[in-house]
Amino acid sequence: MSMTTQYADVEPSREQVDAINGPVVLEFGAPWCSICMGTQDAIGAAMNDHPAVRHIKIEDGRGRPLGRSFRVKLWPTLVFMRDGAEVGRLVRPGSAGQIREALAQLQSPPGAV
């Protein structure tokens, strides 16, 4: 799977997100956020190198419970999950390399060094 370019029409519940099997990246942000827009090329480049990782873009903001459940405070925030458990997070990632490194760790078997 490659990068998702559109925000989800319907925000999934925390229970739905926690039930996802395999590696997934949740990207919290907003379509009008200039910092979010500025990181899209880096996120896309990194995601293209990891086609087995599911990418879900979630519009965040006031009254959005999923972002609150993950304690998202700044955008974009990338939450890296494996089998329903958070294994890492990047807040306002600075480069595709930083995102690739987190994706590589996400795809490593649990307990691998």
N, C-alpha and C. Protein backbone atom coordinates (compact mmCIF):
# COMPACT_ATOMS: atom_id res chain seq x y z
N MET A 1 0.84 -1.17 0.00
CA MET A 1 0.00 0.00 0.00
C MET A 1 0.89 1.24 0.00
N SER A 2 0.50 2.28 -0.69
CA SER A 2 1.31 3.50 -0.69
C SER A 2 0.62 4.57 0.14
N MET A 3 1.16 5.74 0.07
CA MET A 3 0.64 6.85 0.86
C MET A 3 -0.80 7.18 0.47
N THR A 4 -1.61 7.44 1.47
CA THR A 4 -2.97 7.92 1.27
C THR A 4 -2.89 9.44 1.15
N THR A 5 -3.49 9.99 0.11
CA THR A 5 -3.39 11.44 -0.10
C THR A 5 -4.59 12.21 0.44
N GLN A 6 -5.68 11.54 0.70
CA GLN A 6 -6.89 12.20 1.19
C GLN A 6 -7.16 11.82 2.65
N TYR A 7 -7.67 12.77 3.39
CA TYR A 7 -8.06 12.47 4.76
C TYR A 7 -9.28 11.56 4.74
N ALA A 8 -9.38 10.67 5.71
CA ALA A 8 -10.50 9.74 5.80
C ALA A 8 -11.81 10.51 5.86
N ASP A 9 -12.82 10.05 5.12
CA ASP A 9 -14.13 10.69 5.15
C ASP A 9 -14.77 10.57 6.53
N VAL A 10 -14.56 9.42 7.14
CA VAL A 10 -15.11 9.15 8.47
C VAL A 10 -13.95 8.74 9.38
N GLU A 11 -13.84 9.42 10.50
CA GLU A 11 -12.79 9.09 11.46
C GLU A 11 -13.07 7.72 12.06
N PRO A 12 -12.09 6.80 11.99
CA PRO A 12 -12.31 5.50 12.64
C PRO A 12 -12.33 5.66 14.16
N SER A 13 -12.94 4.71 14.82
CA SER A 13 -12.94 4.74 16.29
C SER A 13 -11.60 4.20 16.80
N ARG A 14 -11.32 4.45 18.05
CA ARG A 14 -10.10 3.91 18.65
C ARG A 14 -10.13 2.39 18.63
N GLU A 15 -11.30 1.81 18.85
CA GLU A 15 -11.44 0.35 18.83
C GLU A 15 -11.11 -0.21 17.44
N GLN A 16 -11.55 0.48 16.39
CA GLN A 16 -11.25 0.03 15.02
C GLN A 16 -9.75 0.11 14.75
N VAL A 17 -9.12 1.18 15.17
CA VAL A 17 -7.68 1.35 14.96
C VAL A 17 -6.91 0.30 15.74
N ASP A 18 -7.29 0.07 16.98
CA ASP A 18 -6.59 -0.92 17.82
C ASP A 18 -6.75 -2.34 17.28
N ALA A 19 -7.76 -2.58 16.45
CA ALA A 19 -8.02 -3.93 15.91
C ALA A 19 -7.29 -4.18 14.58
N ILE A 20 -6.58 -3.19 14.05
CA ILE A 20 -5.88 -3.37 12.77
C ILE A 20 -4.69 -4.29 12.98
N ASN A 21 -4.63 -5.34 12.16
CA ASN A 21 -3.49 -6.26 12.19
C ASN A 21 -2.40 -5.76 11.27
N GLY A 22 -1.17 -6.00 11.67
CA GLY A 22 -0.03 -5.62 10.85
C GLY A 22 0.39 -4.18 11.08
N PRO A 23 1.35 -3.71 10.26
CA PRO A 23 1.88 -2.36 10.45
C PRO A 23 0.96 -1.30 9.84
N VAL A 24 0.80 -0.20 10.55
CA VAL A 24 -0.01 0.91 10.08
C VAL A 24 0.58 2.22 10.59
N VAL A 25 0.46 3.26 9.78
CA VAL A 25 0.85 4.60 10.19
C VAL A 25 -0.41 5.46 10.19
N LEU A 26 -0.69 6.06 11.33
CA LEU A 26 -1.78 7.03 11.43
C LEU A 26 -1.15 8.41 11.31
N GLU A 27 -1.64 9.19 10.37
CA GLU A 27 -1.14 10.55 10.19
C GLU A 27 -2.23 11.51 10.63
N PHE A 28 -1.99 12.22 11.71
CA PHE A 28 -2.94 13.21 12.21
C PHE A 28 -2.53 14.59 11.72
N GLY A 29 -3.49 15.33 11.18
CA GLY A 29 -3.22 16.67 10.69
C GLY A 29 -4.51 17.33 10.25
N ALA A 30 -4.37 18.33 9.40
CA ALA A 30 -5.53 19.04 8.86
C ALA A 30 -5.20 19.48 7.43
N PRO A 31 -6.19 19.49 6.54
CA PRO A 31 -5.91 19.84 5.15
C PRO A 31 -5.48 21.30 4.95
N TRP A 32 -5.75 22.18 5.90
CA TRP A 32 -5.37 23.57 5.79
C TRP A 32 -4.06 23.89 6.52
N CYS A 33 -3.47 22.90 7.18
CA CYS A 33 -2.24 23.08 7.97
C CYS A 33 -1.02 23.16 7.04
N SER A 34 -0.34 24.31 7.06
CA SER A 34 0.80 24.49 6.16
C SER A 34 1.95 23.55 6.49
N ILE A 35 2.16 23.25 7.76
CA ILE A 35 3.24 22.32 8.13
C ILE A 35 2.89 20.91 7.62
N CYS A 36 1.62 20.52 7.74
CA CYS A 36 1.18 19.22 7.22
C CYS A 36 1.42 19.13 5.72
N MET A 37 1.03 20.17 5.01
CA MET A 37 1.21 20.20 3.56
C MET A 37 2.70 20.12 3.20
N GLY A 38 3.52 20.78 3.99
CA GLY A 38 4.96 20.80 3.72
C GLY A 38 5.66 19.47 3.95
N THR A 39 5.06 18.58 4.71
CA THR A 39 5.69 17.28 4.97
C THR A 39 5.20 16.18 4.03
N GLN A 40 4.24 16.47 3.17
CA GLN A 40 3.64 15.43 2.34
C GLN A 40 4.63 14.75 1.40
N ASP A 41 5.56 15.50 0.81
CA ASP A 41 6.55 14.88 -0.08
C ASP A 41 7.43 13.89 0.69
N ALA A 42 7.86 14.28 1.89
CA ALA A 42 8.71 13.39 2.70
C ALA A 42 7.94 12.14 3.12
N ILE A 43 6.69 12.32 3.54
CA ILE A 43 5.88 11.16 3.94
C ILE A 43 5.67 10.25 2.74
N GLY A 44 5.34 10.83 1.60
CA GLY A 44 5.11 10.03 0.39
C GLY A 44 6.34 9.25 -0.03
N ALA A 45 7.50 9.91 -0.02
CA ALA A 45 8.74 9.24 -0.40
C ALA A 45 9.04 8.07 0.53
N ALA A 46 8.86 8.28 1.82
CA ALA A 46 9.12 7.21 2.79
C ALA A 46 8.12 6.08 2.65
N MET A 47 6.85 6.40 2.50
CA MET A 47 5.81 5.37 2.39
C MET A 47 6.01 4.53 1.12
N ASN A 48 6.47 5.15 0.04
CA ASN A 48 6.69 4.41 -1.20
C ASN A 48 7.73 3.30 -1.03
N ASP A 49 8.64 3.48 -0.09
CA ASP A 49 9.67 2.46 0.19
C ASP A 49 9.15 1.34 1.08
N HIS A 50 7.93 1.48 1.59
CA HIS A 50 7.36 0.50 2.53
C HIS A 50 5.91 0.18 2.13
N PRO A 51 5.75 -0.49 0.99
CA PRO A 51 4.39 -0.72 0.47
C PRO A 51 3.53 -1.63 1.34
N ALA A 52 4.12 -2.38 2.25
CA ALA A 52 3.33 -3.29 3.10
C ALA A 52 2.71 -2.57 4.29
N VAL A 53 3.06 -1.30 4.48
CA VAL A 53 2.55 -0.55 5.62
C VAL A 53 1.31 0.23 5.20
N ARG A 54 0.25 0.05 5.93
CA ARG A 54 -1.00 0.78 5.67
C ARG A 54 -0.86 2.20 6.20
N HIS A 55 -1.38 3.17 5.46
CA HIS A 55 -1.31 4.58 5.84
C HIS A 55 -2.72 5.13 5.93
N ILE A 56 -3.08 5.71 7.07
CA ILE A 56 -4.40 6.29 7.26
C ILE A 56 -4.22 7.74 7.67
N LYS A 57 -4.77 8.64 6.87
CA LYS A 57 -4.71 10.09 7.15
C LYS A 57 -5.98 10.47 7.89
N ILE A 58 -5.81 11.08 9.04
CA ILE A 58 -6.95 11.42 9.89
C ILE A 58 -6.94 12.93 10.17
N GLU A 59 -8.03 13.59 9.76
CA GLU A 59 -8.15 15.01 10.07
C GLU A 59 -8.40 15.16 11.56
N ASP A 60 -7.58 15.98 12.17
CA ASP A 60 -7.65 16.15 13.62
C ASP A 60 -8.15 17.55 13.94
N GLY A 61 -8.55 17.74 15.18
CA GLY A 61 -8.98 19.05 15.63
C GLY A 61 -9.95 18.94 16.78
N ARG A 62 -10.49 20.06 17.16
CA ARG A 62 -11.43 20.13 18.27
C ARG A 62 -12.60 19.17 18.04
N GLY A 63 -12.93 18.41 19.07
CA GLY A 63 -14.06 17.49 18.98
C GLY A 63 -13.76 16.20 18.24
N ARG A 64 -12.52 15.96 17.91
CA ARG A 64 -12.12 14.73 17.21
C ARG A 64 -11.53 13.76 18.23
N PRO A 65 -12.28 12.73 18.61
CA PRO A 65 -11.87 11.87 19.72
C PRO A 65 -10.63 11.01 19.45
N LEU A 66 -10.40 10.61 18.20
CA LEU A 66 -9.26 9.72 17.96
C LEU A 66 -7.94 10.42 18.27
N GLY A 67 -7.79 11.64 17.80
CA GLY A 67 -6.57 12.39 18.10
C GLY A 67 -6.38 12.61 19.59
N ARG A 68 -7.47 12.85 20.30
CA ARG A 68 -7.37 13.04 21.75
C ARG A 68 -6.95 11.74 22.42
N SER A 69 -7.44 10.60 21.92
CA SER A 69 -7.09 9.33 22.55
C SER A 69 -5.61 9.02 22.40
N PHE A 70 -4.97 9.59 21.36
CA PHE A 70 -3.53 9.43 21.15
C PHE A 70 -2.74 10.62 21.71
N ARG A 71 -3.43 11.55 22.35
CA ARG A 71 -2.81 12.75 22.93
C ARG A 71 -2.02 13.57 21.91
N VAL A 72 -2.59 13.69 20.72
CA VAL A 72 -1.97 14.48 19.66
C VAL A 72 -2.09 15.96 20.02
N LYS A 73 -0.96 16.66 19.95
CA LYS A 73 -0.96 18.08 20.30
C LYS A 73 -0.47 18.95 19.14
N LEU A 74 0.40 18.43 18.29
CA LEU A 74 0.94 19.17 17.15
C LEU A 74 0.74 18.36 15.88
N TRP A 75 0.65 19.07 14.75
CA TRP A 75 0.48 18.41 13.46
C TRP A 75 1.69 18.67 12.58
N PRO A 76 2.00 17.79 11.69
CA PRO A 76 1.47 16.43 11.67
C PRO A 76 2.12 15.57 12.74
N THR A 77 1.36 14.63 13.21
CA THR A 77 1.87 13.60 14.10
C THR A 77 1.66 12.27 13.42
N LEU A 78 2.73 11.50 13.29
CA LEU A 78 2.67 10.15 12.73
C LEU A 78 2.77 9.16 13.88
N VAL A 79 1.77 8.29 13.99
CA VAL A 79 1.76 7.26 15.01
C VAL A 79 1.98 5.93 14.30
N PHE A 80 3.03 5.22 14.67
CA PHE A 80 3.39 3.94 14.06
C PHE A 80 2.86 2.83 14.95
N MET A 81 2.03 1.96 14.37
CA MET A 81 1.39 0.90 15.15
C MET A 81 1.62 -0.46 14.49
N ARG A 82 1.73 -1.47 15.33
CA ARG A 82 1.82 -2.85 14.85
C ARG A 82 0.83 -3.66 15.67
N ASP A 83 -0.09 -4.31 14.98
CA ASP A 83 -1.09 -5.17 15.61
C ASP A 83 -1.81 -4.47 16.77
N GLY A 84 -2.20 -3.22 16.52
CA GLY A 84 -2.99 -2.49 17.50
C GLY A 84 -2.23 -1.81 18.62
N ALA A 85 -0.90 -1.90 18.60
CA ALA A 85 -0.10 -1.28 19.67
C ALA A 85 0.82 -0.22 19.08
N GLU A 86 0.90 0.92 19.74
CA GLU A 86 1.81 1.97 19.29
C GLU A 86 3.24 1.54 19.56
N VAL A 87 4.07 1.65 18.51
CA VAL A 87 5.48 1.28 18.65
C VAL A 87 6.41 2.47 18.40
N GLY A 88 5.83 3.59 17.98
CA GLY A 88 6.65 4.77 17.76
C GLY A 88 5.79 5.94 17.32
N ARG A 89 6.43 7.11 17.30
CA ARG A 89 5.69 8.32 16.91
C ARG A 89 6.70 9.37 16.47
N LEU A 90 6.32 10.14 15.49
CA LEU A 90 7.09 11.30 15.05
C LEU A 90 6.16 12.50 15.04
N VAL A 91 6.59 13.57 15.66
CA VAL A 91 5.83 14.82 15.66
C VAL A 91 6.58 15.80 14.78
N ARG A 92 5.89 16.31 13.78
CA ARG A 92 6.47 17.23 12.81
C ARG A 92 7.81 16.70 12.26
N PRO A 93 7.75 15.53 11.58
CA PRO A 93 8.98 14.93 11.06
C PRO A 93 9.70 15.89 10.12
N GLY A 94 11.03 15.87 10.22
CA GLY A 94 11.84 16.81 9.45
C GLY A 94 12.33 16.31 8.11
N SER A 95 12.31 14.99 7.90
CA SER A 95 12.85 14.47 6.65
C SER A 95 12.27 13.11 6.32
N ALA A 96 12.38 12.75 5.05
CA ALA A 96 11.94 11.41 4.63
C ALA A 96 12.80 10.35 5.31
N GLY A 97 14.08 10.64 5.54
CA GLY A 97 14.97 9.69 6.20
C GLY A 97 14.50 9.35 7.61
N GLN A 98 14.05 10.34 8.32
CA GLN A 98 13.55 10.14 9.68
C GLN A 98 12.31 9.24 9.64
N ILE A 99 11.45 9.46 8.68
CA ILE A 99 10.24 8.64 8.54
C ILE A 99 10.59 7.23 8.09
N ARG A 100 11.54 7.10 7.16
CA ARG A 100 11.98 5.77 6.70
C ARG A 100 12.54 4.95 7.86
N GLU A 101 13.32 5.60 8.71
CA GLU A 101 13.90 4.91 9.86
C GLU A 101 12.80 4.37 10.78
N ALA A 102 11.79 5.18 11.04
CA ALA A 102 10.68 4.74 11.89
C ALA A 102 9.90 3.61 11.21
N LEU A 103 9.72 3.70 9.89
CA LEU A 103 9.03 2.64 9.16
C LEU A 103 9.82 1.34 9.17
N ALA A 104 11.14 1.42 9.06
CA ALA A 104 11.98 0.22 9.11
C ALA A 104 11.86 -0.45 10.47
N GLN A 105 11.83 0.33 11.53
CA GLN A 105 11.67 -0.23 12.87
C GLN A 105 10.28 -0.84 13.03
N LEU A 106 9.30 -0.21 12.41
CA LEU A 106 7.93 -0.72 12.48
C LEU A 106 7.84 -2.09 11.82
N GLN A 107 8.54 -2.27 10.72
CA GLN A 107 8.47 -3.52 9.99
C GLN A 107 9.43 -4.58 10.51
N SER A 108 10.31 -4.22 11.45
CA SER A 108 11.19 -5.21 12.06
C SER A 108 10.37 -6.14 12.95
N PRO A 109 10.75 -7.40 13.04
CA PRO A 109 10.03 -8.29 13.96
C PRO A 109 10.13 -7.79 15.39
N PRO A 110 9.07 -7.96 16.18
CA PRO A 110 9.13 -7.53 17.58
C PRO A 110 10.33 -8.16 18.28
N GLY A 111 11.04 -7.35 19.05
CA GLY A 111 12.19 -7.85 19.80
C GLY A 111 13.49 -7.82 19.01
N ALA A 112 13.42 -7.48 17.69
CA ALA A 112 14.65 -7.43 16.89
C ALA A 112 15.40 -6.17 17.22
N VAL A 113 16.71 -6.21 17.10
CA VAL A 113 17.55 -5.05 17.40
C VAL A 113 18.03 -4.44 16.13
